[in-house]
Amino acid sequence: VPGLSVLENVMVGAHSRSRGGFLTTPLRLPPVGREERR
């Protein structure tokens, strides 16, 4: 994705290993912040 940074493009590839849940991700609950940092 040309408009994204190098880091953001690589982060896209980690989605299959992400542990964000159906409720936690849209509500931005604390586990989401931890998962994004991971």
Full PDB file with SEQRES, HELIX, SHEET, SSBOND, CRYST1, ORIGX, SCALE, CONECT and MASTER records, all heavy atoms in Angstrom:
SEQRES   1 A   38  VAL PRO GLY LEU SER VAL LEU GLU ASN VAL MET VAL GLY          
SEQRES   2 A   38  ALA HIS SER ARG SER ARG GLY GLY PHE LEU THR THR PRO          
SEQRES   3 A   38  LEU ARG LEU PRO PRO VAL GLY ARG GLU GLU ARG ARG              
HELIX    1 AA1 VAL A    6  VAL A   12  1                                   7    
HELIX    2 AA2 GLY A   13  ARG A   17  5                                   5    
HELIX    3 AA3 THR A   24  LEU A   27  1                                   4    
HELIX    4 AA4 PRO A   30  ARG A   37  1                                   8    
CRYST1    1.000    1.000    1.000  90.00  90.00  90.00 P 1           1          
ORIGX1      1.000000  0.000000  0.000000        0.00000                         
ORIGX2      0.000000  1.000000  0.000000        0.00000                         
ORIGX3      0.000000  0.000000  1.000000        0.00000                         
SCALE1      1.000000  0.000000  0.000000        0.00000                         
SCALE2      0.000000  1.000000  0.000000        0.00000                         
SCALE3      0.000000  0.000000  1.000000        0.00000                         
ATOM      1  N   VAL A   1       0.866  -1.181   0.000  1.00  0.00           N  
ATOM      2  CA  VAL A   1       0.000   0.000   0.000  1.00  0.00           C  
ATOM      3  C   VAL A   1       0.902   1.229   0.000  1.00  0.00           C  
ATOM      4  O   VAL A   1       1.559   1.516   1.003  1.00  0.00           O  
ATOM      5  CB  VAL A   1      -0.920   0.021   1.236  1.00  0.00           C  
ATOM      6  CG1 VAL A   1      -1.860   1.221   1.178  1.00  0.00           C  
ATOM      7  CG2 VAL A   1      -1.730  -1.278   1.321  1.00  0.00           C  
ATOM      8  N   PRO A   2       0.978   1.968  -1.109  1.00  0.00           N  
ATOM      9  CA  PRO A   2       1.959   3.052  -1.226  1.00  0.00           C  
ATOM     10  C   PRO A   2       1.817   4.114  -0.149  1.00  0.00           C  
ATOM     11  O   PRO A   2       2.809   4.685   0.301  1.00  0.00           O  
ATOM     12  CB  PRO A   2       1.677   3.632  -2.620  1.00  0.00           C  
ATOM     13  CG  PRO A   2       0.999   2.534  -3.369  1.00  0.00           C  
ATOM     14  CD  PRO A   2       0.198   1.777  -2.351  1.00  0.00           C  
ATOM     15  N   GLY A   3       0.605   4.416   0.276  1.00  0.00           N  
ATOM     16  CA  GLY A   3       0.382   5.486   1.236  1.00  0.00           C  
ATOM     17  C   GLY A   3       0.706   5.132   2.666  1.00  0.00           C  
ATOM     18  O   GLY A   3       0.785   6.016   3.528  1.00  0.00           O  
ATOM     19  N   LEU A   4       0.896   3.849   2.963  1.00  0.00           N  
ATOM     20  CA  LEU A   4       1.249   3.421   4.307  1.00  0.00           C  
ATOM     21  C   LEU A   4       2.763   3.420   4.474  1.00  0.00           C  
ATOM     22  O   LEU A   4       3.507   3.301   3.509  1.00  0.00           O  
ATOM     23  CB  LEU A   4       0.707   2.019   4.589  1.00  0.00           C  
ATOM     24  CG  LEU A   4      -0.810   1.835   4.615  1.00  0.00           C  
ATOM     25  CD1 LEU A   4      -1.153   0.386   4.969  1.00  0.00           C  
ATOM     26  CD2 LEU A   4      -1.464   2.791   5.597  1.00  0.00           C  
ATOM     27  N   SER A   5       3.198   3.541   5.713  1.00  0.00           N  
ATOM     28  CA  SER A   5       4.628   3.466   5.985  1.00  0.00           C  
ATOM     29  C   SER A   5       5.115   2.031   5.808  1.00  0.00           C  
ATOM     30  O   SER A   5       4.315   1.088   5.731  1.00  0.00           O  
ATOM     31  CB  SER A   5       4.920   3.936   7.410  1.00  0.00           C  
ATOM     32  OG  SER A   5       4.432   2.988   8.351  1.00  0.00           O  
ATOM     33  N   VAL A   6       6.429   1.879   5.769  1.00  0.00           N  
ATOM     34  CA  VAL A   6       7.018   0.543   5.678  1.00  0.00           C  
ATOM     35  C   VAL A   6       6.553  -0.312   6.850  1.00  0.00           C  
ATOM     36  O   VAL A   6       6.140  -1.462   6.674  1.00  0.00           O  
ATOM     37  CB  VAL A   6       8.555   0.651   5.642  1.00  0.00           C  
ATOM     38  CG1 VAL A   6       9.196  -0.721   5.788  1.00  0.00           C  
ATOM     39  CG2 VAL A   6       9.013   1.314   4.347  1.00  0.00           C  
ATOM     40  N   LEU A   7       6.610   0.240   8.057  1.00  0.00           N  
ATOM     41  CA  LEU A   7       6.196  -0.512   9.238  1.00  0.00           C  
ATOM     42  C   LEU A   7       4.729  -0.911   9.158  1.00  0.00           C  
ATOM     43  O   LEU A   7       4.366  -2.055   9.469  1.00  0.00           O  
ATOM     44  CB  LEU A   7       6.441   0.319  10.501  1.00  0.00           C  
ATOM     45  CG  LEU A   7       6.035  -0.329  11.827  1.00  0.00           C  
ATOM     46  CD1 LEU A   7       6.801  -1.625  12.056  1.00  0.00           C  
ATOM     47  CD2 LEU A   7       6.255   0.645  12.979  1.00  0.00           C  
ATOM     48  N   GLU A   8       3.870  -0.006   8.735  1.00  0.00           N  
ATOM     49  CA  GLU A   8       2.434  -0.304   8.654  1.00  0.00           C  
ATOM     50  C   GLU A   8       2.163  -1.394   7.624  1.00  0.00           C  
ATOM     51  O   GLU A   8       1.306  -2.266   7.833  1.00  0.00           O  
ATOM     52  CB  GLU A   8       1.664   0.967   8.311  1.00  0.00           C  
ATOM     53  CG  GLU A   8       1.609   1.968   9.453  1.00  0.00           C  
ATOM     54  CD  GLU A   8       1.119   3.333   9.016  1.00  0.00           C  
ATOM     55  OE1 GLU A   8       1.238   3.677   7.811  1.00  0.00           O  
ATOM     56  OE2 GLU A   8       0.637   4.085   9.886  1.00  0.00           O  
ATOM     57  N   ASN A   9       2.890  -1.379   6.500  1.00  0.00           N  
ATOM     58  CA  ASN A   9       2.721  -2.428   5.495  1.00  0.00           C  
ATOM     59  C   ASN A   9       3.098  -3.787   6.064  1.00  0.00           C  
ATOM     60  O   ASN A   9       2.413  -4.787   5.806  1.00  0.00           O  
ATOM     61  CB  ASN A   9       3.565  -2.120   4.258  1.00  0.00           C  
ATOM     62  CG  ASN A   9       2.799  -1.373   3.193  1.00  0.00           C  
ATOM     63  OD1 ASN A   9       1.996  -1.948   2.464  1.00  0.00           O  
ATOM     64  ND2 ASN A   9       3.024  -0.066   3.127  1.00  0.00           N  
ATOM     65  N   VAL A  10       4.176  -3.845   6.826  1.00  0.00           N  
ATOM     66  CA  VAL A  10       4.591  -5.122   7.405  1.00  0.00           C  
ATOM     67  C   VAL A  10       3.611  -5.565   8.485  1.00  0.00           C  
ATOM     68  O   VAL A  10       3.309  -6.762   8.617  1.00  0.00           O  
ATOM     69  CB  VAL A  10       6.022  -5.013   7.965  1.00  0.00           C  
ATOM     70  CG1 VAL A  10       6.438  -6.301   8.671  1.00  0.00           C  
ATOM     71  CG2 VAL A  10       6.997  -4.710   6.821  1.00  0.00           C  
ATOM     72  N   MET A  11       3.062  -4.636   9.234  1.00  0.00           N  
ATOM     73  CA  MET A  11       2.081  -4.972  10.268  1.00  0.00           C  
ATOM     74  C   MET A  11       0.846  -5.642   9.669  1.00  0.00           C  
ATOM     75  O   MET A  11       0.223  -6.497  10.308  1.00  0.00           O  
ATOM     76  CB  MET A  11       1.678  -3.719  11.047  1.00  0.00           C  
ATOM     77  CG  MET A  11       2.759  -3.202  11.987  1.00  0.00           C  
ATOM     78  SD  MET A  11       2.319  -1.633  12.799  1.00  0.00           S  
ATOM     79  CE  MET A  11       0.939  -2.162  13.827  1.00  0.00           C  
ATOM     80  N   VAL A  12       0.496  -5.255   8.438  1.00  0.00           N  
ATOM     81  CA  VAL A  12      -0.651  -5.881   7.775  1.00  0.00           C  
ATOM     82  C   VAL A  12      -0.465  -7.394   7.686  1.00  0.00           C  
ATOM     83  O   VAL A  12      -1.422  -8.160   7.823  1.00  0.00           O  
ATOM     84  CB  VAL A  12      -0.849  -5.272   6.364  1.00  0.00           C  
ATOM     85  CG1 VAL A  12      -1.852  -6.097   5.554  1.00  0.00           C  
ATOM     86  CG2 VAL A  12      -1.316  -3.833   6.477  1.00  0.00           C  
ATOM     87  N   GLY A  13       0.773  -7.824   7.485  1.00  0.00           N  
ATOM     88  CA  GLY A  13       1.038  -9.250   7.345  1.00  0.00           C  
ATOM     89  C   GLY A  13       0.843 -10.039   8.615  1.00  0.00           C  
ATOM     90  O   GLY A  13       0.759 -11.277   8.577  1.00  0.00           O  
ATOM     91  N   ALA A  14       0.788  -9.357   9.753  1.00  0.00           N  
ATOM     92  CA  ALA A  14       0.658 -10.053  11.043  1.00  0.00           C  
ATOM     93  C   ALA A  14      -0.788 -10.299  11.425  1.00  0.00           C  
ATOM     94  O   ALA A  14      -1.063 -10.853  12.489  1.00  0.00           O  
ATOM     95  CB  ALA A  14       1.350  -9.253  12.141  1.00  0.00           C  
ATOM     96  N   HIS A  15      -1.750  -9.927  10.570  1.00  0.00           N  
ATOM     97  CA  HIS A  15      -3.154 -10.017  10.971  1.00  0.00           C  
ATOM     98  C   HIS A  15      -3.586 -11.444  11.270  1.00  0.00           C  
ATOM     99  O   HIS A  15      -4.410 -11.689  12.139  1.00  0.00           O  
ATOM    100  CB  HIS A  15      -4.049  -9.427   9.876  1.00  0.00           C  
ATOM    101  CG  HIS A  15      -4.239 -10.334   8.705  1.00  0.00           C  
ATOM    102  ND1 HIS A  15      -3.300 -10.450   7.691  1.00  0.00           N  
ATOM    103  CD2 HIS A  15      -5.247 -11.192   8.386  1.00  0.00           C  
ATOM    104  CE1 HIS A  15      -3.728 -11.324   6.805  1.00  0.00           C  
ATOM    105  NE2 HIS A  15      -4.904 -11.787   7.186  1.00  0.00           N  
ATOM    106  N   SER A  16      -2.979 -12.427  10.552  1.00  0.00           N  
ATOM    107  CA  SER A  16      -3.398 -13.816  10.758  1.00  0.00           C  
ATOM    108  C   SER A  16      -2.963 -14.351  12.112  1.00  0.00           C  
ATOM    109  O   SER A  16      -3.501 -15.354  12.595  1.00  0.00           O  
ATOM    110  CB  SER A  16      -2.831 -14.712   9.646  1.00  0.00           C  
ATOM    111  OG  SER A  16      -1.417 -14.751   9.712  1.00  0.00           O  
ATOM    112  N   ARG A  17      -1.973 -13.700  12.734  1.00  0.00           N  
ATOM    113  CA  ARG A  17      -1.505 -14.104  14.057  1.00  0.00           C  
ATOM    114  C   ARG A  17      -2.052 -13.206  15.157  1.00  0.00           C  
ATOM    115  O   ARG A  17      -1.736 -13.397  16.324  1.00  0.00           O  
ATOM    116  CB  ARG A  17       0.028 -14.063  14.105  1.00  0.00           C  
ATOM    117  CG  ARG A  17       0.693 -15.002  13.119  1.00  0.00           C  
ATOM    118  CD  ARG A  17       0.389 -16.452  13.433  1.00  0.00           C  
ATOM    119  NE  ARG A  17       1.000 -17.346  12.465  1.00  0.00           N  
ATOM    120  CZ  ARG A  17       0.772 -18.645  12.408  1.00  0.00           C  
ATOM    121  NH1 ARG A  17      -0.072 -19.192  13.261  1.00  0.00           N  
ATOM    122  NH2 ARG A  17       1.353 -19.393  11.495  1.00  0.00           N  
ATOM    123  N   SER A  18      -2.899 -12.243  14.775  1.00  0.00           N  
ATOM    124  CA  SER A  18      -3.447 -11.319  15.759  1.00  0.00           C  
ATOM    125  C   SER A  18      -4.482 -12.013  16.630  1.00  0.00           C  
ATOM    126  O   SER A  18      -5.258 -12.847  16.164  1.00  0.00           O  
ATOM    127  CB  SER A  18      -4.083 -10.112  15.047  1.00  0.00           C  
ATOM    128  OG  SER A  18      -4.725  -9.275  15.967  1.00  0.00           O  
ATOM    129  N   ARG A  19      -4.522 -11.635  17.902  1.00  0.00           N  
ATOM    130  CA  ARG A  19      -5.460 -12.243  18.837  1.00  0.00           C  
ATOM    131  C   ARG A  19      -6.608 -11.303  19.174  1.00  0.00           C  
ATOM    132  O   ARG A  19      -7.330 -11.509  20.152  1.00  0.00           O  
ATOM    133  CB  ARG A  19      -4.721 -12.648  20.114  1.00  0.00           C  
ATOM    134  CG  ARG A  19      -3.692 -13.753  19.901  1.00  0.00           C  
ATOM    135  CD  ARG A  19      -3.124 -14.232  21.211  1.00  0.00           C  
ATOM    136  NE  ARG A  19      -2.239 -13.253  21.799  1.00  0.00           N  
ATOM    137  CZ  ARG A  19      -0.924 -13.204  21.585  1.00  0.00           C  
ATOM    138  NH1 ARG A  19      -0.352 -14.068  20.765  1.00  0.00           N  
ATOM    139  NH2 ARG A  19      -0.172 -12.285  22.175  1.00  0.00           N  
ATOM    140  N   GLY A  20      -6.775 -10.236  18.394  1.00  0.00           N  
ATOM    141  CA  GLY A  20      -7.877  -9.313  18.625  1.00  0.00           C  
ATOM    142  C   GLY A  20      -9.209 -10.004  18.396  1.00  0.00           C  
ATOM    143  O   GLY A  20      -9.412 -10.692  17.399  1.00  0.00           O  
ATOM    144  N   GLY A  21     -10.147  -9.818  19.310  1.00  0.00           N  
ATOM    145  CA  GLY A  21     -11.428 -10.507  19.231  1.00  0.00           C  
ATOM    146  C   GLY A  21     -12.503  -9.693  18.558  1.00  0.00           C  
ATOM    147  O   GLY A  21     -12.338  -8.516  18.239  1.00  0.00           O  
ATOM    148  N   PHE A  22     -13.661 -10.319  18.371  1.00  0.00           N  
ATOM    149  CA  PHE A  22     -14.795  -9.702  17.678  1.00  0.00           C  
ATOM    150  C   PHE A  22     -15.291  -8.460  18.429  1.00  0.00           C  
ATOM    151  O   PHE A  22     -15.680  -7.471  17.826  1.00  0.00           O  
ATOM    152  CB  PHE A  22     -15.923 -10.731  17.544  1.00  0.00           C  
ATOM    153  CG  PHE A  22     -17.181 -10.186  16.928  1.00  0.00           C  
ATOM    154  CD1 PHE A  22     -17.242  -9.889  15.582  1.00  0.00           C  
ATOM    155  CD2 PHE A  22     -18.310  -9.955  17.712  1.00  0.00           C  
ATOM    156  CE1 PHE A  22     -18.399  -9.383  15.009  1.00  0.00           C  
ATOM    157  CE2 PHE A  22     -19.457  -9.450  17.151  1.00  0.00           C  
ATOM    158  CZ  PHE A  22     -19.507  -9.166  15.798  1.00  0.00           C  
ATOM    159  N   LEU A  23     -15.283  -8.509  19.778  1.00  0.00           N  
ATOM    160  CA  LEU A  23     -15.765  -7.389  20.575  1.00  0.00           C  
ATOM    161  C   LEU A  23     -14.652  -6.430  20.980  1.00  0.00           C  
ATOM    162  O   LEU A  23     -14.843  -5.216  21.006  1.00  0.00           O  
ATOM    163  CB  LEU A  23     -16.471  -7.910  21.842  1.00  0.00           C  
ATOM    164  CG  LEU A  23     -17.793  -8.633  21.611  1.00  0.00           C  
ATOM    165  CD1 LEU A  23     -18.319  -9.189  22.928  1.00  0.00           C  
ATOM    166  CD2 LEU A  23     -18.826  -7.689  21.002  1.00  0.00           C  
ATOM    167  N   THR A  24     -13.477  -6.971  21.301  1.00  0.00           N  
ATOM    168  CA  THR A  24     -12.411  -6.121  21.816  1.00  0.00           C  
ATOM    169  C   THR A  24     -11.871  -5.152  20.779  1.00  0.00           C  
ATOM    170  O   THR A  24     -11.534  -4.013  21.104  1.00  0.00           O  
ATOM    171  CB  THR A  24     -11.237  -6.968  22.345  1.00  0.00           C  
ATOM    172  OG1 THR A  24     -10.742  -7.803  21.300  1.00  0.00           O  
ATOM    173  CG2 THR A  24     -11.681  -7.831  23.518  1.00  0.00           C  
ATOM    174  N   THR A  25     -11.804  -5.552  19.504  1.00  0.00           N  
ATOM    175  CA  THR A  25     -11.194  -4.692  18.486  1.00  0.00           C  
ATOM    176  C   THR A  25     -12.015  -3.435  18.209  1.00  0.00           C  
ATOM    177  O   THR A  25     -11.496  -2.324  18.307  1.00  0.00           O  
ATOM    178  CB  THR A  25     -10.946  -5.486  17.190  1.00  0.00           C  
ATOM    179  OG1 THR A  25     -10.043  -6.551  17.484  1.00  0.00           O  
ATOM    180  CG2 THR A  25     -10.358  -4.600  16.107  1.00  0.00           C  
ATOM    181  N   PRO A  26     -13.330  -3.535  17.855  1.00  0.00           N  
ATOM    182  CA  PRO A  26     -14.067  -2.300  17.565  1.00  0.00           C  
ATOM    183  C   PRO A  26     -14.273  -1.419  18.786  1.00  0.00           C  
ATOM    184  O   PRO A  26     -14.398  -0.196  18.652  1.00  0.00           O  
ATOM    185  CB  PRO A  26     -15.409  -2.810  17.012  1.00  0.00           C  
ATOM    186  CG  PRO A  26     -15.545  -4.199  17.514  1.00  0.00           C  
ATOM    187  CD  PRO A  26     -14.146  -4.739  17.612  1.00  0.00           C  
ATOM    188  N   LEU A  27     -14.316  -2.009  19.982  1.00  0.00           N  
ATOM    189  CA  LEU A  27     -14.535  -1.222  21.191  1.00  0.00           C  
ATOM    190  C   LEU A  27     -13.252  -0.653  21.776  1.00  0.00           C  
ATOM    191  O   LEU A  27     -13.291   0.096  22.744  1.00  0.00           O  
ATOM    192  CB  LEU A  27     -15.250  -2.087  22.246  1.00  0.00           C  
ATOM    193  CG  LEU A  27     -16.667  -2.533  21.880  1.00  0.00           C  
ATOM    194  CD1 LEU A  27     -17.234  -3.438  22.964  1.00  0.00           C  
ATOM    195  CD2 LEU A  27     -17.572  -1.324  21.652  1.00  0.00           C  
ATOM    196  N   ARG A  28     -12.100  -1.030  21.186  1.00  0.00           N  
ATOM    197  CA  ARG A  28     -10.799  -0.550  21.641  1.00  0.00           C  
ATOM    198  C   ARG A  28     -10.587  -0.846  23.124  1.00  0.00           C  
ATOM    199  O   ARG A  28     -10.094  -0.013  23.894  1.00  0.00           O  
ATOM    200  CB  ARG A  28     -10.637   0.957  21.382  1.00  0.00           C  
ATOM    201  CG  ARG A  28     -10.791   1.389  19.933  1.00  0.00           C  
ATOM    202  CD  ARG A  28      -9.704   0.809  19.073  1.00  0.00           C  
ATOM    203  NE  ARG A  28      -8.383   1.310  19.461  1.00  0.00           N  
ATOM    204  CZ  ARG A  28      -7.252   0.887  18.904  1.00  0.00           C  
ATOM    205  NH1 ARG A  28      -7.276  -0.057  17.982  1.00  0.00           N  
ATOM    206  NH2 ARG A  28      -6.101   1.393  19.289  1.00  0.00           N  
ATOM    207  N   LEU A  29     -10.973  -2.038  23.539  1.00  0.00           N  
ATOM    208  CA  LEU A  29     -10.755  -2.457  24.911  1.00  0.00           C  
ATOM    209  C   LEU A  29      -9.264  -2.679  25.154  1.00  0.00           C  
ATOM    210  O   LEU A  29      -8.487  -2.823  24.214  1.00  0.00           O  
ATOM    211  CB  LEU A  29     -11.563  -3.727  25.198  1.00  0.00           C  
ATOM    212  CG  LEU A  29     -13.094  -3.559  25.110  1.00  0.00           C  
ATOM    213  CD1 LEU A  29     -13.793  -4.879  25.356  1.00  0.00           C  
ATOM    214  CD2 LEU A  29     -13.583  -2.489  26.079  1.00  0.00           C  
ATOM    215  N   PRO A  30      -8.835  -2.724  26.444  1.00  0.00           N  
ATOM    216  CA  PRO A  30      -7.392  -2.812  26.741  1.00  0.00           C  
ATOM    217  C   PRO A  30      -6.637  -3.900  25.992  1.00  0.00           C  
ATOM    218  O   PRO A  30      -5.495  -3.656  25.568  1.00  0.00           O  
ATOM    219  CB  PRO A  30      -7.383  -3.043  28.257  1.00  0.00           C  
ATOM    220  CG  PRO A  30      -8.604  -2.342  28.730  1.00  0.00           C  
ATOM    221  CD  PRO A  30      -9.641  -2.557  27.658  1.00  0.00           C  
ATOM    222  N   PRO A  31      -7.221  -5.100  25.796  1.00  0.00           N  
ATOM    223  CA  PRO A  31      -6.455  -6.116  25.055  1.00  0.00           C  
ATOM    224  C   PRO A  31      -6.046  -5.678  23.656  1.00  0.00           C  
ATOM    225  O   PRO A  31      -5.038  -6.139  23.118  1.00  0.00           O  
ATOM    226  CB  PRO A  31      -7.421  -7.313  24.996  1.00  0.00           C  
ATOM    227  CG  PRO A  31      -8.317  -7.136  26.181  1.00  0.00           C  
ATOM    228  CD  PRO A  31      -8.503  -5.643  26.306  1.00  0.00           C  
ATOM    229  N   VAL A  32      -6.835  -4.759  23.059  1.00  0.00           N  
ATOM    230  CA  VAL A  32      -6.516  -4.304  21.708  1.00  0.00           C  
ATOM    231  C   VAL A  32      -5.205  -3.520  21.707  1.00  0.00           C  
ATOM    232  O   VAL A  32      -4.354  -3.690  20.826  1.00  0.00           O  
ATOM    233  CB  VAL A  32      -7.666  -3.446  21.139  1.00  0.00           C  
ATOM    234  CG1 VAL A  32      -7.263  -2.845  19.793  1.00  0.00           C  
ATOM    235  CG2 VAL A  32      -8.920  -4.282  20.978  1.00  0.00           C  
ATOM    236  N   GLY A  33      -5.027  -2.651  22.683  1.00  0.00           N  
ATOM    237  CA  GLY A  33      -3.792  -1.887  22.759  1.00  0.00           C  
ATOM    238  C   GLY A  33      -2.586  -2.783  22.946  1.00  0.00           C  
ATOM    239  O   GLY A  33      -1.540  -2.563  22.318  1.00  0.00           O  
ATOM    240  N   ARG A  34      -2.715  -3.797  23.795  1.00  0.00           N  
ATOM    241  CA  ARG A  34      -1.607  -4.731  23.999  1.00  0.00           C  
ATOM    242  C   ARG A  34      -1.299  -5.489  22.728  1.00  0.00           C  
ATOM    243  O   ARG A  34      -0.126  -5.700  22.380  1.00  0.00           O  
ATOM    244  CB  ARG A  34      -1.953  -5.708  25.136  1.00  0.00           C  
ATOM    245  CG  ARG A  34      -2.001  -5.056  26.507  1.00  0.00           C  
ATOM    246  CD  ARG A  34      -1.983  -6.120  27.603  1.00  0.00           C  
ATOM    247  NE  ARG A  34      -3.162  -6.974  27.554  1.00  0.00           N  
ATOM    248  CZ  ARG A  34      -4.293  -6.721  28.207  1.00  0.00           C  
ATOM    249  NH1 ARG A  34      -4.407  -5.621  28.953  1.00  0.00           N  
ATOM    250  NH2 ARG A  34      -5.309  -7.564  28.141  1.00  0.00           N  
ATOM    251  N   GLU A  35      -2.354  -5.891  22.014  1.00  0.00           N  
ATOM    252  CA  GLU A  35      -2.145  -6.659  20.784  1.00  0.00           C  
ATOM    253  C   GLU A  35      -1.509  -5.794  19.705  1.00  0.00           C  
ATOM    254  O   GLU A  35      -0.630  -6.236  18.971  1.00  0.00           O  
ATOM    255  CB  GLU A  35      -3.481  -7.226  20.290  1.00  0.00           C  
ATOM    256  CG  GLU A  35      -3.384  -8.095  19.042  1.00  0.00           C  
ATOM    257  CD  GLU A  35      -2.526  -9.329  19.240  1.00  0.00           C  
ATOM    258  OE1 GLU A  35      -2.195  -9.665  20.401  1.00  0.00           O  
ATOM    259  OE2 GLU A  35      -2.179  -9.963  18.232  1.00  0.00           O  
ATOM    260  N   GLU A  36      -1.916  -4.534  19.616  1.00  0.00           N  
ATOM    261  CA  GLU A  36      -1.322  -3.643  18.626  1.00  0.00           C  
ATOM    262  C   GLU A  36       0.158  -3.429  18.903  1.00  0.00           C  
ATOM    263  O   GLU A  36       0.984  -3.394  17.979  1.00  0.00           O  
ATOM    264  CB  GLU A  36      -2.057  -2.305  18.612  1.00  0.00           C  
ATOM    265  CG  GLU A  36      -1.548  -1.362  17.534  1.00  0.00           C  
ATOM    266  CD  GLU A  36      -2.392  -0.111  17.399  1.00  0.00           C  
ATOM    267  OE1 GLU A  36      -3.567  -0.145  17.803  1.00  0.00           O  
ATOM    268  OE2 GLU A  36      -1.856   0.897  16.891  1.00  0.00           O  
ATOM    269  N   ARG A  37       0.515  -3.297  20.182  1.00  0.00           N  
ATOM    270  CA  ARG A  37       1.927  -3.139  20.534  1.00  0.00           C  
ATOM    271  C   ARG A  37       2.719  -4.403  20.195  1.00  0.00           C  
ATOM    272  O   ARG A  37       3.867  -4.325  19.744  1.00  0.00           O  
ATOM    273  CB  ARG A  37       2.058  -2.796  22.024  1.00  0.00           C  
ATOM    274  CG  ARG A  37       1.595  -1.390  22.373  1.00  0.00           C  
ATOM    275  CD  ARG A  37       1.995  -1.001  23.775  1.00  0.00           C  
ATOM    276  NE  ARG A  37       1.302  -1.789  24.775  1.00  0.00           N  
ATOM    277  CZ  ARG A  37       0.104  -1.496  25.287  1.00  0.00           C  
ATOM    278  NH1 ARG A  37      -0.543  -0.406  24.874  1.00  0.00           N  
ATOM    279  NH2 ARG A  37      -0.441  -2.267  26.223  1.00  0.00           N  
ATOM    280  N   ARG A  38       2.090  -5.574  20.399  1.00  0.00           N  
ATOM    281  CA  ARG A  38       2.769  -6.831  20.078  1.00  0.00           C  
ATOM    282  C   ARG A  38       3.016  -6.936  18.572  1.00  0.00           C  
ATOM    283  O   ARG A  38       4.106  -7.320  18.136  1.00  0.00           O  
ATOM    284  CB  ARG A  38       1.931  -8.021  20.552  1.00  0.00           C  
ATOM    285  CG  ARG A  38       2.627  -9.367  20.394  1.00  0.00           C  
ATOM    286  CD  ARG A  38       1.654 -10.527  20.562  1.00  0.00           C  
ATOM    287  NE  ARG A  38       0.712 -10.592  19.448  1.00  0.00           N  
ATOM    288  CZ  ARG A  38       1.004 -11.146  18.265  1.00  0.00           C  
ATOM    289  NH1 ARG A  38       2.214 -11.649  18.043  1.00  0.00           N  
ATOM    290  NH2 ARG A  38       0.095 -11.190  17.312  1.00  0.00           N  
TER     291      ARG A  38                                                      
MASTER        0    0    0    4    0    0    0    6  290    1    0    3          
END                                                                             
